[in-house]
Amino acid sequence: MDRNQKRRRRAVLIGALFVATLTTGWLCRPEPTLIDISRAVGPFNREKQTWGWLSDEELIAVTTDTEPDNLLGAVSDEIHWQGHAELWNVNTGKRTPLSGLTALLNRERISPTGLPFDFKLSPNRTFLLWDNCKTLDQWPCPAAAHMDGTHYREWNSDTRGDGFFVDDQHWVEHDVSTPSSVHILDLEDKRRDRKYPVTSPQAKVTLALHAVQHPHFVNVDFLDDQRSVVIATYRTEDWAAFARSDGDAPDKAIPLSKGALKLPSGARMLRGKESPDQRMILYHIHSAYTNPVQALLHLLHLEYSKPPLETESLWVSEADGQGFHEIGHVVVPFVPSDVPSNTEHNELTRIEWLPGGKQVAFVYHDTLYVVPAK
């Protein structure tokens, strides 16, 4: 090949790269990030604060004021956890101190080793239920009270099971251990608590009532390579068999439907979560994207190297996997492939559905955000 041919080939190559760069720059122009389309609720310190959504507009936030051990070296028996509770309206920005609940939570032996957590509100907003932090391993120590701190009670929880409100006064714990049982707690009067074998008429009626209110549930899982998502829908009546089986027991639950969803190229699943009404699924996904021009330069063996663009994104779909689409994403620091996945630091944390199932909340850089799911 003579010198002129080499020059012409180089000119064609440069021209092709120039066109590819312009085209890629257009196709991959910056899009609004997840933060751009989200609404900031306020700053949150994950080490010193917990919170729970009471509705799509309100959340209860509990903040640590004094740690169990102070700088003087006092042990937690002498200086227990102290903090304060507030009711936040995310639409107006108003924060209302909950003085009665604060006084209750600060009582000695309520939550001596740390922040109370996992707040739930009864259907008509009469009782607030949560877990007290009484052990360093955060073993659940459930409690309930009115929002003003009155009508307080606590109890020992069964270790293998699920809990739900059947009405504004009764909390039910379905223990799936052998023998299985149903514990019905009367939050107004513990003397009326009852515990029944799961085969008893009382337990069957209670579980049937719950199944009428919530006829099915969705389980989201992913394959070992995290590239495909498995979605299965079950009858609520089969929840205990599903919880016991782990997929291997002879009485394992049979799904009403089951399907797989393949993730986009370069994406892997970090977490999936069904909405409160079991109609939608939220996905937390990590993706690595290589610019086509960079790939072409690498293909031509040119000395050009740049790590791929990495993002964390939130996606949603219907409960059967249909309508799978991205809500939004944020760019995250590049993590080399030889770094073990268990050391990976996720930028998006505390990702959860709001009670209405139409919005999603998450924490990014110590700020709590809310974004529409559609």
Protein backbone atom coordinates (compact mmCIF):
# COMPACT_ATOMS: atom_id res chain seq x y z
CA MET A 1 0.00 0.00 0.00
CA ASP A 2 1.53 3.36 -1.06
CA ARG A 3 1.69 6.51 1.01
CA ASN A 4 -1.36 8.16 -0.64
CA GLN A 5 -3.53 5.11 0.02
CA LYS A 6 -2.47 5.14 3.66
CA ARG A 7 -3.35 8.82 3.90
CA ARG A 8 -6.75 8.26 2.28
CA ARG A 9 -7.47 5.34 4.63
CA ARG A 10 -6.50 7.40 7.64
CA ALA A 11 -8.70 10.28 6.44
CA VAL A 12 -11.66 7.94 6.00
CA LEU A 13 -11.07 6.48 9.46
CA ILE A 14 -10.86 9.91 11.05
CA GLY A 15 -13.99 11.00 9.22
CA ALA A 16 -15.86 7.89 10.38
CA LEU A 17 -14.77 8.46 13.96
CA PHE A 18 -15.86 12.10 13.74
CA VAL A 19 -19.32 11.16 12.46
CA ALA A 20 -19.60 8.40 15.07
CA THR A 21 -18.64 10.84 17.80
CA LEU A 22 -21.27 13.37 16.71
CA THR A 23 -23.90 10.67 16.37
CA THR A 24 -23.08 9.13 19.74
CA GLY A 25 -23.00 12.54 21.36
CA TRP A 26 -26.51 13.15 20.06
CA LEU A 27 -27.90 9.74 20.93
CA CYS A 28 -26.23 9.73 24.36
CA ARG A 29 -26.85 13.38 25.22
CA PRO A 30 -27.37 14.01 28.94
CA GLU A 31 -30.85 13.08 30.19
CA PRO A 32 -32.55 14.22 33.37
CA THR A 33 -31.21 12.15 36.26
CA LEU A 34 -33.30 10.49 38.92
CA ILE A 35 -32.55 13.43 41.21
CA ASP A 36 -33.78 15.92 38.58
CA ILE A 37 -37.22 14.32 38.46
CA SER A 38 -37.51 13.64 42.21
CA ARG A 39 -38.71 15.81 45.08
CA ALA A 40 -36.36 16.31 48.02
CA VAL A 41 -38.06 15.70 51.37
CA GLY A 42 -35.13 16.72 53.55
CA PRO A 43 -31.73 15.70 54.90
CA PHE A 44 -31.49 12.39 56.76
CA ASN A 45 -28.70 10.86 58.77
CA ARG A 46 -29.03 7.08 58.39
CA GLU A 47 -26.97 6.46 61.54
CA LYS A 48 -28.97 8.80 63.77
CA GLN A 49 -32.47 8.69 62.26
CA THR A 50 -35.18 6.20 61.40
CA TRP A 51 -38.49 6.86 59.76
CA GLY A 52 -41.67 5.21 58.59
CA TRP A 53 -44.24 6.29 56.02
CA LEU A 54 -47.70 6.65 57.55
CA SER A 55 -49.28 7.77 54.26
CA ASP A 56 -48.13 9.19 50.94
CA GLU A 57 -48.01 12.64 52.57
CA GLU A 58 -46.75 11.91 56.08
CA LEU A 59 -43.88 10.16 57.72
CA ILE A 60 -42.80 9.76 61.30
CA ALA A 61 -39.12 10.55 61.90
CA VAL A 62 -37.19 9.62 65.05
CA THR A 63 -33.83 11.28 65.68
CA THR A 64 -31.09 10.29 68.13
CA ASP A 65 -30.10 13.02 70.59
CA THR A 66 -27.97 10.91 72.97
CA GLU A 67 -26.25 7.63 72.15
CA PRO A 68 -26.39 4.77 74.70
CA ASP A 69 -22.67 5.22 75.46
CA ASN A 70 -21.29 8.73 75.80
CA LEU A 71 -17.77 10.11 75.69
CA LEU A 72 -17.34 9.50 79.42
CA GLY A 73 -17.53 5.78 78.83
CA ALA A 74 -20.87 5.22 80.56
CA VAL A 75 -22.47 1.88 79.80
CA SER A 76 -25.92 1.67 78.18
CA ASP A 77 -27.56 0.62 81.49
CA GLU A 78 -26.65 4.02 82.88
CA ILE A 79 -27.17 6.16 79.79
CA HIS A 80 -29.77 4.70 77.45
CA TRP A 81 -30.82 5.96 74.05
CA GLN A 82 -32.52 9.37 74.00
CA GLY A 83 -34.16 11.07 71.03
CA HIS A 84 -37.24 12.84 69.69
CA ALA A 85 -40.10 12.03 67.30
CA GLU A 86 -41.68 14.31 64.69
CA LEU A 87 -44.47 14.05 62.14
CA TRP A 88 -43.40 15.36 58.74
CA ASN A 89 -45.81 16.51 56.06
CA VAL A 90 -43.83 16.12 52.84
CA ASN A 91 -46.23 18.30 50.83
CA THR A 92 -46.17 21.36 53.08
CA GLY A 93 -42.77 20.79 54.70
CA LYS A 94 -44.35 21.20 58.15
CA ARG A 95 -42.73 19.25 61.02
CA THR A 96 -44.87 18.66 64.08
CA PRO A 97 -43.16 17.52 67.30
CA LEU A 98 -44.77 14.41 68.82
CA SER A 99 -44.14 15.28 72.46
CA GLY A 100 -46.16 12.40 73.95
CA LEU A 101 -44.50 9.76 71.79
CA THR A 102 -41.09 11.34 72.43
CA ALA A 103 -41.62 11.10 76.20
CA LEU A 104 -42.63 7.45 75.81
CA LEU A 105 -39.64 6.49 73.65
CA ASN A 106 -37.28 8.17 76.11
CA ARG A 107 -38.52 6.15 79.05
CA GLU A 108 -35.93 3.84 80.48
CA ARG A 109 -35.97 0.29 79.04
CA ILE A 110 -38.17 1.20 76.06
CA SER A 111 -35.35 1.23 73.48
CA PRO A 112 -32.17 1.32 75.57
CA THR A 113 -29.62 0.23 72.95
CA GLY A 114 -30.63 2.35 69.97
CA LEU A 115 -33.23 3.80 67.63
CA PRO A 116 -36.72 2.30 67.54
CA PHE A 117 -37.57 1.24 63.96
CA ASP A 118 -40.05 -0.27 61.48
CA PHE A 119 -43.06 1.97 62.17
CA LYS A 120 -46.56 0.94 60.99
CA LEU A 121 -49.91 2.66 61.40
CA SER A 122 -53.26 0.89 61.93
CA PRO A 123 -55.91 1.38 59.22
CA ASN A 124 -57.77 4.20 61.00
CA ARG A 125 -54.62 5.74 62.50
CA THR A 126 -55.42 4.75 66.09
CA PHE A 127 -52.34 2.66 66.87
CA LEU A 128 -48.72 3.10 65.90
CA LEU A 129 -46.71 -0.13 65.93
CA TRP A 130 -42.90 -0.40 65.86
CA ASP A 131 -39.92 -2.43 67.06
CA ASN A 132 -37.98 -1.32 70.13
CA CYS A 133 -34.21 -1.72 69.98
CA LYS A 134 -33.38 -3.66 73.15
CA THR A 135 -30.49 -5.80 71.89
CA LEU A 136 -27.40 -4.96 69.89
CA ASP A 137 -28.40 -7.45 67.16
CA GLN A 138 -31.80 -5.66 66.79
CA TRP A 139 -33.88 -8.70 67.65
CA PRO A 140 -37.50 -7.59 67.12
CA CYS A 141 -39.16 -6.33 70.30
CA PRO A 142 -42.57 -5.12 69.05
CA ALA A 143 -44.58 -2.42 70.80
CA ALA A 144 -47.65 -0.31 70.10
CA ALA A 145 -49.20 2.93 71.36
CA HIS A 146 -51.42 5.79 70.31
CA MET A 147 -49.67 8.61 68.48
CA ASP A 148 -49.78 10.69 71.67
CA GLY A 149 -47.81 8.01 73.55
CA THR A 150 -50.74 6.62 75.55
CA HIS A 151 -52.07 3.03 75.55
CA TYR A 152 -48.56 1.61 75.38
CA ARG A 153 -47.91 -2.12 75.37
CA GLU A 154 -45.17 -4.49 74.25
CA TRP A 155 -44.95 -8.25 73.74
CA ASN A 156 -42.67 -11.11 72.73
CA SER A 157 -42.86 -11.85 69.02
CA ASP A 158 -42.75 -15.24 67.32
CA THR A 159 -39.51 -15.56 65.40
CA ARG A 160 -40.75 -17.15 62.15
CA GLY A 161 -43.77 -15.44 60.75
CA ASP A 162 -45.57 -12.42 59.41
CA GLY A 163 -47.74 -9.73 60.96
CA PHE A 164 -50.71 -7.69 59.76
CA PHE A 165 -53.61 -5.56 60.98
CA VAL A 166 -57.08 -7.07 60.55
CA ASP A 167 -58.72 -3.90 61.89
CA ASP A 168 -57.76 -0.82 63.86
CA GLN A 169 -57.49 -2.69 67.17
CA HIS A 170 -56.12 -6.13 66.37
CA TRP A 171 -52.64 -7.09 65.22
CA VAL A 172 -52.10 -10.67 64.04
CA GLU A 173 -48.84 -12.63 64.00
CA HIS A 174 -48.86 -15.79 61.91
CA ASP A 175 -46.09 -18.05 63.15
CA VAL A 176 -45.08 -20.63 60.51
CA SER A 177 -42.88 -22.69 62.81
CA THR A 178 -43.93 -26.24 63.69
CA PRO A 179 -46.51 -26.32 65.19
CA SER A 180 -47.91 -23.33 63.31
CA SER A 181 -50.08 -20.85 65.20
CA VAL A 182 -51.93 -17.56 64.92
CA HIS A 183 -51.48 -14.97 67.68
CA ILE A 184 -54.24 -12.32 67.80
CA LEU A 185 -53.25 -9.31 69.92
CA ASP A 186 -55.85 -6.89 71.20
CA LEU A 187 -53.89 -3.65 71.33
CA GLU A 188 -56.45 -2.02 73.65
CA ASP A 189 -56.38 -4.79 76.25
CA LYS A 190 -53.70 -7.49 76.42
CA ARG A 191 -55.97 -9.62 78.60
CA ARG A 192 -57.97 -10.34 75.45
CA ASP A 193 -54.97 -11.66 73.52
CA ARG A 194 -55.50 -15.13 72.07
CA LYS A 195 -53.21 -17.71 70.50
CA TYR A 196 -54.70 -20.48 68.36
CA PRO A 197 -53.32 -23.48 66.44
CA VAL A 198 -53.41 -22.70 62.73
CA THR A 199 -55.93 -25.54 62.25
CA SER A 200 -58.45 -24.04 64.67
CA PRO A 201 -61.67 -22.38 63.41
CA GLN A 202 -60.64 -19.04 64.96
CA ALA A 203 -57.29 -19.04 63.15
CA LYS A 204 -58.88 -20.07 59.85
CA VAL A 205 -61.43 -17.25 60.03
CA THR A 206 -58.73 -14.68 60.79
CA LEU A 207 -56.48 -15.83 57.95
CA ALA A 208 -59.44 -16.03 55.56
CA LEU A 209 -60.38 -12.42 56.39
CA HIS A 210 -56.85 -11.32 55.61
CA ALA A 211 -56.91 -13.27 52.33
CA VAL A 212 -60.11 -11.49 51.28
CA GLN A 213 -58.44 -8.12 51.88
CA HIS A 214 -55.19 -9.23 50.19
CA PRO A 215 -55.97 -12.14 47.83
CA HIS A 216 -52.44 -12.73 46.49
CA PHE A 217 -48.79 -11.86 46.98
CA VAL A 218 -45.84 -11.54 44.63
CA ASN A 219 -42.33 -12.89 45.16
CA VAL A 220 -39.40 -11.33 43.28
CA ASP A 221 -36.10 -13.19 42.96
CA PHE A 222 -33.17 -13.23 40.56
CA LEU A 223 -30.90 -15.86 39.11
CA ASP A 224 -27.32 -16.26 40.34
CA ASP A 225 -25.92 -14.12 37.53
CA GLN A 226 -28.32 -11.28 38.54
CA ARG A 227 -29.17 -10.78 34.85
CA SER A 228 -32.66 -12.29 34.94
CA VAL A 229 -35.53 -11.72 37.36
CA VAL A 230 -38.00 -14.44 38.34
CA ILE A 231 -41.50 -13.24 39.26
CA ALA A 232 -44.09 -15.54 40.85
CA THR A 233 -47.61 -14.80 42.11
CA TYR A 234 -49.15 -16.91 44.90
CA ARG A 235 -52.45 -17.12 46.74
CA THR A 236 -52.32 -15.52 50.18
CA GLU A 237 -53.61 -18.79 51.63
CA ASP A 238 -50.34 -20.40 50.54
CA TRP A 239 -48.11 -17.89 52.31
CA ALA A 240 -47.24 -20.19 55.24
CA ALA A 241 -46.27 -23.06 52.94
CA PHE A 242 -44.19 -20.65 50.87
CA ALA A 243 -42.44 -19.26 53.97
CA ARG A 244 -41.68 -22.73 55.34
CA SER A 245 -40.57 -24.42 52.16
CA ASP A 246 -37.69 -22.31 50.84
CA GLY A 247 -38.53 -24.11 47.62
CA ASP A 248 -37.62 -27.63 48.84
CA ALA A 249 -40.28 -28.87 51.29
CA PRO A 250 -42.93 -31.34 50.14
CA ASP A 251 -45.76 -28.91 50.93
CA LYS A 252 -44.19 -26.08 48.96
CA ALA A 253 -46.59 -23.50 47.54
CA ILE A 254 -47.54 -23.71 43.86
CA PRO A 255 -47.58 -20.28 42.16
CA LEU A 256 -50.61 -19.02 40.27
CA SER A 257 -48.21 -17.70 37.65
CA LYS A 258 -44.47 -17.55 37.15
CA GLY A 259 -42.26 -15.85 34.59
CA ALA A 260 -38.79 -14.49 33.93
CA LEU A 261 -37.73 -11.00 32.96
CA LYS A 262 -34.36 -10.52 31.24
CA LEU A 263 -32.59 -7.32 32.18
CA PRO A 264 -31.03 -4.97 29.58
CA SER A 265 -27.47 -5.66 28.44
CA GLY A 266 -24.89 -4.67 31.04
CA ALA A 267 -27.47 -4.55 33.86
CA ARG A 268 -27.68 -6.63 36.99
CA MET A 269 -30.29 -6.72 39.70
CA LEU A 270 -29.52 -5.46 43.20
CA ARG A 271 -32.98 -5.72 44.75
CA GLY A 272 -36.62 -6.15 43.83
CA LYS A 273 -39.65 -5.15 45.88
CA GLU A 274 -43.37 -5.55 45.23
CA SER A 275 -45.74 -2.63 45.91
CA PRO A 276 -48.05 -2.70 48.98
CA ASP A 277 -51.04 -3.64 46.79
CA GLN A 278 -48.94 -6.31 44.99
CA ARG A 279 -49.72 -4.74 41.60
CA MET A 280 -46.28 -3.42 40.68
CA ILE A 281 -42.63 -4.33 41.18
CA LEU A 282 -39.75 -1.95 41.88
CA TYR A 283 -36.23 -2.87 40.74
CA HIS A 284 -32.89 -1.46 41.92
CA ILE A 285 -30.45 -2.07 39.06
CA HIS A 286 -26.73 -1.48 38.48
CA SER A 287 -25.65 -0.93 34.87
CA ALA A 288 -22.33 -0.51 33.07
CA TYR A 289 -22.42 1.27 29.70
CA THR A 290 -19.56 1.57 27.22
CA ASN A 291 -19.69 4.42 24.71
CA PRO A 292 -19.76 3.01 21.11
CA VAL A 293 -16.85 5.25 20.08
CA GLN A 294 -14.74 3.87 22.94
CA ALA A 295 -15.62 0.35 21.86
CA LEU A 296 -14.64 1.15 18.24
CA LEU A 297 -11.31 2.65 19.32
CA HIS A 298 -10.62 -0.44 21.41
CA LEU A 299 -11.54 -2.63 18.43
CA LEU A 300 -9.04 -0.78 16.25
CA HIS A 301 -6.35 -1.44 18.89
CA LEU A 302 -5.78 2.25 19.42
CA GLU A 303 -4.26 3.29 22.73
CA TYR A 304 -7.41 4.72 24.18
CA SER A 305 -8.94 3.47 27.39
CA LYS A 306 -11.69 4.82 29.61
CA PRO A 307 -13.76 2.93 32.19
CA PRO A 308 -17.43 2.38 31.30
CA LEU A 309 -20.15 4.68 32.60
CA GLU A 310 -21.79 3.06 35.63
CA THR A 311 -25.24 3.89 36.94
CA GLU A 312 -27.72 2.85 39.58
CA SER A 313 -31.31 3.08 38.45
CA LEU A 314 -34.87 2.45 39.57
CA TRP A 315 -37.21 0.53 37.26
CA VAL A 316 -40.82 -0.58 37.62
CA SER A 317 -43.10 -3.10 35.96
CA GLU A 318 -46.54 -4.59 36.41
CA ALA A 319 -46.74 -7.61 38.72
CA ASP A 320 -46.39 -9.95 35.73
CA GLY A 321 -43.28 -8.16 34.41
CA GLN A 322 -45.10 -6.27 31.66
CA GLY A 323 -44.45 -2.55 31.15
CA PHE A 324 -40.86 -2.80 32.41
CA HIS A 325 -39.32 0.68 32.20
CA GLU A 326 -36.83 2.95 33.93
CA ILE A 327 -37.93 5.69 36.33
CA GLY A 328 -34.49 7.31 36.43
CA HIS A 329 -30.82 6.79 37.22
CA VAL A 330 -27.76 8.35 38.86
CA VAL A 331 -24.14 8.00 37.77
CA VAL A 332 -22.03 6.15 40.35
CA PRO A 333 -18.27 5.72 40.82
CA PHE A 334 -16.57 3.07 38.68
CA VAL A 335 -15.88 -0.20 40.53
CA PRO A 336 -13.20 -2.47 38.97
CA SER A 337 -14.39 -5.95 38.11
CA ASP A 338 -11.83 -7.56 40.45
CA VAL A 339 -13.37 -5.89 43.52
CA PRO A 340 -15.63 -8.36 45.40
CA SER A 341 -19.30 -7.49 45.07
CA ASN A 342 -19.85 -7.56 48.84
CA THR A 343 -17.66 -4.47 49.20
CA GLU A 344 -19.74 -2.53 46.69
CA HIS A 345 -21.22 0.68 48.03
CA ASN A 346 -24.70 1.45 46.70
CA GLU A 347 -25.42 5.13 46.17
CA LEU A 348 -29.20 4.65 46.34
CA THR A 349 -30.32 3.33 49.74
CA ARG A 350 -33.52 2.93 51.80
CA ILE A 351 -35.49 2.34 48.62
CA GLU A 352 -39.15 1.68 49.44
CA TRP A 353 -42.70 2.04 48.19
CA LEU A 354 -44.93 4.65 49.75
CA PRO A 355 -48.16 3.18 51.21
CA GLY A 356 -50.32 4.16 48.20
CA GLY A 357 -48.15 2.19 45.78
CA LYS A 358 -47.79 5.11 43.35
CA GLN A 359 -44.56 6.71 44.61
CA VAL A 360 -41.11 5.53 45.61
CA ALA A 361 -38.81 6.93 48.29
CA PHE A 362 -35.03 6.62 48.45
CA VAL A 363 -31.99 8.19 50.09
CA TYR A 364 -29.18 9.64 47.99
CA HIS A 365 -26.20 11.50 49.49
CA ASP A 366 -27.95 11.81 52.89
CA THR A 367 -31.12 13.33 51.44
CA LEU A 368 -34.52 11.63 51.30
CA TYR A 369 -36.31 11.90 47.93
CA VAL A 370 -39.71 10.89 46.55
CA VAL A 371 -40.38 10.12 42.88
CA PRO A 372 -43.55 9.00 41.01
CA ALA A 373 -43.43 5.35 40.01
CA LYS A 374 -44.91 6.09 36.57
